[in-house]
Amino acid sequence: MKLNTLTKIFKDESGATAIEYGLIAALVSVAAIIALQAMGASLTDMFQTVADALDNATP
Protein backbone atom coordinates (compact mmCIF):
# COMPACT_ATOMS: atom_id res chain seq x y z
CA MET A 1 0.00 0.00 0.00
CA LYS A 2 2.82 2.45 0.80
CA LEU A 3 4.62 1.62 -2.45
CA ASN A 4 1.46 2.50 -4.37
CA THR A 5 1.25 5.86 -2.63
CA LEU A 6 4.89 6.66 -3.33
CA THR A 7 4.47 5.72 -6.97
CA LYS A 8 1.51 8.09 -7.29
CA ILE A 9 3.45 10.92 -5.66
CA PHE A 10 6.44 10.52 -7.98
CA LYS A 11 4.21 10.38 -11.09
CA ASP A 12 2.22 13.51 -10.16
CA GLU A 13 3.40 16.40 -12.36
CA SER A 14 0.93 19.12 -11.38
CA GLY A 15 3.44 20.82 -9.08
CA ALA A 16 6.09 20.80 -11.80
CA THR A 17 3.84 22.87 -14.08
CA ALA A 18 3.37 25.52 -11.41
CA ILE A 19 7.13 25.68 -10.85
CA GLU A 20 7.73 26.05 -14.58
CA TYR A 21 5.28 28.94 -14.79
CA GLY A 22 6.96 30.55 -11.80
CA LEU A 23 10.38 30.27 -13.43
CA ILE A 24 9.06 31.75 -16.68
CA ALA A 25 7.52 34.68 -14.79
CA ALA A 26 10.80 35.27 -12.96
CA LEU A 27 12.80 35.27 -16.21
CA VAL A 28 10.36 37.69 -17.86
CA SER A 29 10.59 39.97 -14.82
CA VAL A 30 14.39 39.98 -14.89
CA ALA A 31 14.39 40.74 -18.64
CA ALA A 32 11.93 43.62 -18.12
CA ILE A 33 14.02 45.10 -15.31
CA ILE A 34 17.19 44.95 -17.39
CA ALA A 35 15.46 46.53 -20.40
CA LEU A 36 13.95 49.33 -18.32
CA GLN A 37 17.28 50.11 -16.68
CA ALA A 38 18.94 50.36 -20.09
CA MET A 39 16.17 52.64 -21.34
CA GLY A 40 16.37 54.74 -18.19
CA ALA A 41 20.01 55.63 -18.81
CA SER A 42 19.23 56.52 -22.42
CA LEU A 43 16.31 58.73 -21.39
CA THR A 44 18.42 60.47 -18.77
CA ASP A 45 21.05 61.28 -21.39
CA MET A 46 18.42 62.56 -23.83
CA PHE A 47 16.79 64.86 -21.25
CA GLN A 48 20.20 66.13 -20.17
CA THR A 49 21.03 67.00 -23.80
CA VAL A 50 17.75 68.91 -24.13
CA ALA A 51 18.34 70.71 -20.81
CA ASP A 52 21.85 71.70 -21.89
CA ALA A 53 20.55 72.98 -25.22
CA LEU A 54 17.90 75.06 -23.47
CA ASP A 55 20.46 76.46 -21.02
CA ASN A 56 22.73 77.52 -23.91
CA ALA A 57 19.94 78.98 -26.05
CA THR A 58 20.08 82.71 -26.66
CA PRO A 59 17.00 84.73 -25.69
PDB file of N, CA and C in Angstrom:
ATOM      1  N   MET A   1       0.829  -1.191   0.000  1.00  0.00           N
ATOM      2  CA  MET A   1       0.000   0.000   0.000  1.00  0.00           C
ATOM      3  C   MET A   1       0.878   1.262   0.000  1.00  0.00           C
ATOM      4  N   LYS A   2       1.945   1.283   0.767  1.00  0.00           N
ATOM      5  CA  LYS A   2       2.819   2.445   0.804  1.00  0.00           C
ATOM      6  C   LYS A   2       3.567   2.633  -0.510  1.00  0.00           C
ATOM      7  N   LEU A   3       3.925   1.549  -1.162  1.00  0.00           N
ATOM      8  CA  LEU A   3       4.618   1.618  -2.446  1.00  0.00           C
ATOM      9  C   LEU A   3       3.708   2.248  -3.498  1.00  0.00           C
ATOM     10  N   ASN A   4       2.434   1.908  -3.446  1.00  0.00           N
ATOM     11  CA  ASN A   4       1.462   2.498  -4.369  1.00  0.00           C
ATOM     12  C   ASN A   4       1.365   4.014  -4.178  1.00  0.00           C
ATOM     13  N   THR A   5       1.334   4.437  -2.946  1.00  0.00           N
ATOM     14  CA  THR A   5       1.249   5.865  -2.633  1.00  0.00           C
ATOM     15  C   THR A   5       2.494   6.602  -3.102  1.00  0.00           C
ATOM     16  N   LEU A   6       3.648   6.037  -2.880  1.00  0.00           N
ATOM     17  CA  LEU A   6       4.892   6.663  -3.325  1.00  0.00           C
ATOM     18  C   LEU A   6       4.950   6.755  -4.849  1.00  0.00           C
ATOM     19  N   THR A   7       4.476   5.718  -5.509  1.00  0.00           N
ATOM     20  CA  THR A   7       4.470   5.717  -6.967  1.00  0.00           C
ATOM     21  C   THR A   7       3.577   6.838  -7.497  1.00  0.00           C
ATOM     22  N   LYS A   8       2.421   7.024  -6.876  1.00  0.00           N
ATOM     23  CA  LYS A   8       1.509   8.095  -7.293  1.00  0.00           C
ATOM     24  C   LYS A   8       2.140   9.472  -7.067  1.00  0.00           C
ATOM     25  N   ILE A   9       2.827   9.635  -5.969  1.00  0.00           N
ATOM     26  CA  ILE A   9       3.453  10.923  -5.655  1.00  0.00           C
ATOM     27  C   ILE A   9       4.537  11.254  -6.673  1.00  0.00           C
ATOM     28  N   PHE A  10       5.351  10.272  -7.037  1.00  0.00           N
ATOM     29  CA  PHE A  10       6.438  10.520  -7.983  1.00  0.00           C
ATOM     30  C   PHE A  10       5.936  10.748  -9.401  1.00  0.00           C
ATOM     31  N   LYS A  11       4.765  10.204  -9.742  1.00  0.00           N
ATOM     32  CA  LYS A  11       4.212  10.380 -11.092  1.00  0.00           C
ATOM     33  C   LYS A  11       3.396  11.664 -11.222  1.00  0.00           C
ATOM     34  N   ASP A  12       3.021  12.285 -10.126  1.00  0.00           N
ATOM     35  CA  ASP A  12       2.219  13.505 -10.159  1.00  0.00           C
ATOM     36  C   ASP A  12       3.071  14.662 -10.668  1.00  0.00           C
ATOM     37  N   GLU A  13       2.637  15.314 -11.752  1.00  0.00           N
ATOM     38  CA  GLU A  13       3.400  16.397 -12.362  1.00  0.00           C
ATOM     39  C   GLU A  13       2.714  17.752 -12.242  1.00  0.00           C
ATOM     40  N   SER A  14       1.653  17.854 -11.477  1.00  0.00           N
ATOM     41  CA  SER A  14       0.929  19.121 -11.382  1.00  0.00           C
ATOM     42  C   SER A  14       1.767  20.201 -10.706  1.00  0.00           C
ATOM     43  N   GLY A  15       2.577  19.842  -9.741  1.00  0.00           N
ATOM     44  CA  GLY A  15       3.443  20.818  -9.083  1.00  0.00           C
ATOM     45  C   GLY A  15       4.554  21.299  -9.987  1.00  0.00           C
ATOM     46  N   ALA A  16       5.026  20.431 -10.870  1.00  0.00           N
ATOM     47  CA  ALA A  16       6.095  20.802 -11.796  1.00  0.00           C
ATOM     48  C   ALA A  16       5.626  21.899 -12.748  1.00  0.00           C
ATOM     49  N   THR A  17       4.376  21.848 -13.179  1.00  0.00           N
ATOM     50  CA  THR A  17       3.841  22.869 -14.077  1.00  0.00           C
ATOM     51  C   THR A  17       3.823  24.223 -13.386  1.00  0.00           C
ATOM     52  N   ALA A  18       3.404  24.265 -12.149  1.00  0.00           N
ATOM     53  CA  ALA A  18       3.373  25.523 -11.406  1.00  0.00           C
ATOM     54  C   ALA A  18       4.782  26.082 -11.241  1.00  0.00           C
ATOM     55  N   ILE A  19       5.743  25.228 -10.987  1.00  0.00           N
ATOM     56  CA  ILE A  19       7.130  25.677 -10.846  1.00  0.00           C
ATOM     57  C   ILE A  19       7.648  26.224 -12.160  1.00  0.00           C
ATOM     58  N   GLU A  20       7.303  25.566 -13.266  1.00  0.00           N
ATOM     59  CA  GLU A  20       7.734  26.050 -14.583  1.00  0.00           C
ATOM     60  C   GLU A  20       7.165  27.431 -14.872  1.00  0.00           C
ATOM     61  N   TYR A  21       5.876  27.631 -14.585  1.00  0.00           N
ATOM     62  CA  TYR A  21       5.277  28.945 -14.792  1.00  0.00           C
ATOM     63  C   TYR A  21       5.939  29.996 -13.902  1.00  0.00           C
ATOM     64  N   GLY A  22       6.275  29.624 -12.697  1.00  0.00           N
ATOM     65  CA  GLY A  22       6.961  30.554 -11.801  1.00  0.00           C
ATOM     66  C   GLY A  22       8.335  30.942 -12.328  1.00  0.00           C
ATOM     67  N   LEU A  23       9.062  29.979 -12.862  1.00  0.00           N
ATOM     68  CA  LEU A  23      10.380  30.271 -13.432  1.00  0.00           C
ATOM     69  C   LEU A  23      10.263  31.167 -14.665  1.00  0.00           C
ATOM     70  N   ILE A  24       9.269  30.915 -15.502  1.00  0.00           N
ATOM     71  CA  ILE A  24       9.057  31.755 -16.685  1.00  0.00           C
ATOM     72  C   ILE A  24       8.735  33.181 -16.264  1.00  0.00           C
ATOM     73  N   ALA A  25       7.872  33.337 -15.274  1.00  0.00           N
ATOM     74  CA  ALA A  25       7.518  34.676 -14.793  1.00  0.00           C
ATOM     75  C   ALA A  25       8.743  35.386 -14.223  1.00  0.00           C
ATOM     76  N   ALA A  26       9.583  34.660 -13.520  1.00  0.00           N
ATOM     77  CA  ALA A  26      10.795  35.269 -12.959  1.00  0.00           C
ATOM     78  C   ALA A  26      11.747  35.712 -14.063  1.00  0.00           C
ATOM     79  N   LEU A  27      11.919  34.897 -15.098  1.00  0.00           N
ATOM     80  CA  LEU A  27      12.797  35.270 -16.208  1.00  0.00           C
ATOM     81  C   LEU A  27      12.267  36.477 -16.967  1.00  0.00           C
ATOM     82  N   VAL A  28      10.956  36.536 -17.181  1.00  0.00           N
ATOM     83  CA  VAL A  28      10.362  37.695 -17.863  1.00  0.00           C
ATOM     84  C   VAL A  28      10.556  38.943 -17.012  1.00  0.00           C
ATOM     85  N   SER A  29      10.402  38.827 -15.714  1.00  0.00           N
ATOM     86  CA  SER A  29      10.592  39.972 -14.822  1.00  0.00           C
ATOM     87  C   SER A  29      12.027  40.484 -14.868  1.00  0.00           C
ATOM     88  N   VAL A  30      12.981  39.578 -14.843  1.00  0.00           N
ATOM     89  CA  VAL A  30      14.390  39.975 -14.894  1.00  0.00           C
ATOM     90  C   VAL A  30      14.700  40.667 -16.221  1.00  0.00           C
ATOM     91  N   ALA A  31      14.166  40.121 -17.320  1.00  0.00           N
ATOM     92  CA  ALA A  31      14.389  40.739 -18.635  1.00  0.00           C
ATOM     93  C   ALA A  31      13.775  42.131 -18.692  1.00  0.00           C
ATOM     94  N   ALA A  32      12.589  42.309 -18.128  1.00  0.00           N
ATOM     95  CA  ALA A  32      11.935  43.615 -18.123  1.00  0.00           C
ATOM     96  C   ALA A  32      12.729  44.620 -17.294  1.00  0.00           C
ATOM     97  N   ILE A  33      13.237  44.205 -16.163  1.00  0.00           N
ATOM     98  CA  ILE A  33      14.020  45.102 -15.308  1.00  0.00           C
ATOM     99  C   ILE A  33      15.287  45.547 -16.022  1.00  0.00           C
ATOM    100  N   ILE A  34      15.961  44.610 -16.660  1.00  0.00           N
ATOM    101  CA  ILE A  34      17.190  44.949 -17.387  1.00  0.00           C
ATOM    102  C   ILE A  34      16.893  45.916 -18.531  1.00  0.00           C
ATOM    103  N   ALA A  35      15.820  45.663 -19.284  1.00  0.00           N
ATOM    104  CA  ALA A  35      15.455  46.534 -20.404  1.00  0.00           C
ATOM    105  C   ALA A  35      15.093  47.928 -19.918  1.00  0.00           C
ATOM    106  N   LEU A  36      14.343  48.016 -18.833  1.00  0.00           N
ATOM    107  CA  LEU A  36      13.946  49.331 -18.321  1.00  0.00           C
ATOM    108  C   LEU A  36      15.136  50.112 -17.770  1.00  0.00           C
ATOM    109  N   GLN A  37      16.084  49.419 -17.166  1.00  0.00           N
ATOM    110  CA  GLN A  37      17.281  50.108 -16.682  1.00  0.00           C
ATOM    111  C   GLN A  37      18.093  50.655 -17.840  1.00  0.00           C
ATOM    112  N   ALA A  38      18.198  49.892 -18.915  1.00  0.00           N
ATOM    113  CA  ALA A  38      18.945  50.359 -20.090  1.00  0.00           C
ATOM    114  C   ALA A  38      18.241  51.558 -20.716  1.00  0.00           C
ATOM    115  N   MET A  39      16.924  51.510 -20.793  1.00  0.00           N
ATOM    116  CA  MET A  39      16.169  52.643 -21.343  1.00  0.00           C
ATOM    117  C   MET A  39      16.269  53.859 -20.437  1.00  0.00           C
ATOM    118  N   GLY A  40      16.304  53.632 -19.142  1.00  0.00           N
ATOM    119  CA  GLY A  40      16.369  54.744 -18.192  1.00  0.00           C
ATOM    120  C   GLY A  40      17.627  55.566 -18.381  1.00  0.00           C
ATOM    121  N   ALA A  41      18.753  54.915 -18.584  1.00  0.00           N
ATOM    122  CA  ALA A  41      20.012  55.626 -18.813  1.00  0.00           C
ATOM    123  C   ALA A  41      19.950  56.410 -20.111  1.00  0.00           C
ATOM    124  N   SER A  42      19.354  55.843 -21.129  1.00  0.00           N
ATOM    125  CA  SER A  42      19.227  56.519 -22.415  1.00  0.00           C
ATOM    126  C   SER A  42      18.322  57.740 -22.293  1.00  0.00           C
ATOM    127  N   LEU A  43      17.220  57.589 -21.572  1.00  0.00           N
ATOM    128  CA  LEU A  43      16.308  58.728 -21.394  1.00  0.00           C
ATOM    129  C   LEU A  43      16.959  59.836 -20.575  1.00  0.00           C
ATOM    130  N   THR A  44      17.725  59.464 -19.574  1.00  0.00           N
ATOM    131  CA  THR A  44      18.422  60.466 -18.769  1.00  0.00           C
ATOM    132  C   THR A  44      19.386  61.265 -19.639  1.00  0.00           C
ATOM    133  N   ASP A  45      20.126  60.592 -20.488  1.00  0.00           N
ATOM    134  CA  ASP A  45      21.054  61.278 -21.394  1.00  0.00           C
ATOM    135  C   ASP A  45      20.307  62.201 -22.356  1.00  0.00           C
ATOM    136  N   MET A  46      19.187  61.746 -22.878  1.00  0.00           N
ATOM    137  CA  MET A  46      18.422  62.559 -23.826  1.00  0.00           C
ATOM    138  C   MET A  46      17.884  63.819 -23.141  1.00  0.00           C
ATOM    139  N   PHE A  47      17.317  63.685 -21.956  1.00  0.00           N
ATOM    140  CA  PHE A  47      16.792  64.859 -21.254  1.00  0.00           C
ATOM    141  C   PHE A  47      17.915  65.815 -20.850  1.00  0.00           C
ATOM    142  N   GLN A  48      19.065  65.279 -20.509  1.00  0.00           N
ATOM    143  CA  GLN A  48      20.200  66.131 -20.168  1.00  0.00           C
ATOM    144  C   GLN A  48      20.655  66.923 -21.390  1.00  0.00           C
ATOM    145  N   THR A  49      20.659  66.303 -22.562  1.00  0.00           N
ATOM    146  CA  THR A  49      21.027  66.996 -23.798  1.00  0.00           C
ATOM    147  C   THR A  49      20.053  68.140 -24.090  1.00  0.00           C
ATOM    148  N   VAL A  50      18.758  67.873 -23.902  1.00  0.00           N
ATOM    149  CA  VAL A  50      17.751  68.913 -24.128  1.00  0.00           C
ATOM    150  C   VAL A  50      17.913  70.039 -23.108  1.00  0.00           C
ATOM    151  N   ALA A  51      18.159  69.697 -21.859  1.00  0.00           N
ATOM    152  CA  ALA A  51      18.343  70.713 -20.814  1.00  0.00           C
ATOM    153  C   ALA A  51      19.552  71.566 -21.109  1.00  0.00           C
ATOM    154  N   ASP A  52      20.651  70.938 -21.544  1.00  0.00           N
ATOM    155  CA  ASP A  52      21.854  71.701 -21.893  1.00  0.00           C
ATOM    156  C   ASP A  52      21.602  72.624 -23.069  1.00  0.00           C
ATOM    157  N   ALA A  53      20.863  72.140 -24.060  1.00  0.00           N
ATOM    158  CA  ALA A  53      20.553  72.978 -25.221  1.00  0.00           C
ATOM    159  C   ALA A  53      19.687  74.162 -24.822  1.00  0.00           C
ATOM    160  N   LEU A  54      18.759  73.951 -23.920  1.00  0.00           N
ATOM    161  CA  LEU A  54      17.903  75.060 -23.467  1.00  0.00           C
ATOM    162  C   LEU A  54      18.694  76.049 -22.624  1.00  0.00           C
ATOM    163  N   ASP A  55      19.629  75.562 -21.835  1.00  0.00           N
ATOM    164  CA  ASP A  55      20.464  76.464 -21.017  1.00  0.00           C
ATOM    165  C   ASP A  55      21.360  77.327 -21.907  1.00  0.00           C
ATOM    166  N   ASN A  56      21.821  76.788 -23.020  1.00  0.00           N
ATOM    167  CA  ASN A  56      22.733  77.519 -23.913  1.00  0.00           C
ATOM    168  C   ASN A  56      22.007  78.305 -24.990  1.00  0.00           C
ATOM    169  N   ALA A  57      20.693  78.250 -25.027  1.00  0.00           N
ATOM    170  CA  ALA A  57      19.938  78.979 -26.045  1.00  0.00           C
ATOM    171  C   ALA A  57      19.992  80.473 -25.763  1.00  0.00           C
ATOM    172  N   THR A  58      20.060  81.247 -26.834  1.00  0.00           N
ATOM    173  CA  THR A  58      20.082  82.706 -26.664  1.00  0.00           C
ATOM    174  C   THR A  58      18.657  83.228 -26.652  1.00  0.00           C
ATOM    175  N   PRO A  59      18.369  84.184 -25.793  1.00  0.00           N
ATOM    176  CA  PRO A  59      16.998  84.727 -25.691  1.00  0.00           C
ATOM    177  C   PRO A  59      16.646  85.614 -26.863  1.00  0.00           C
TER     178      PRO A  59
END
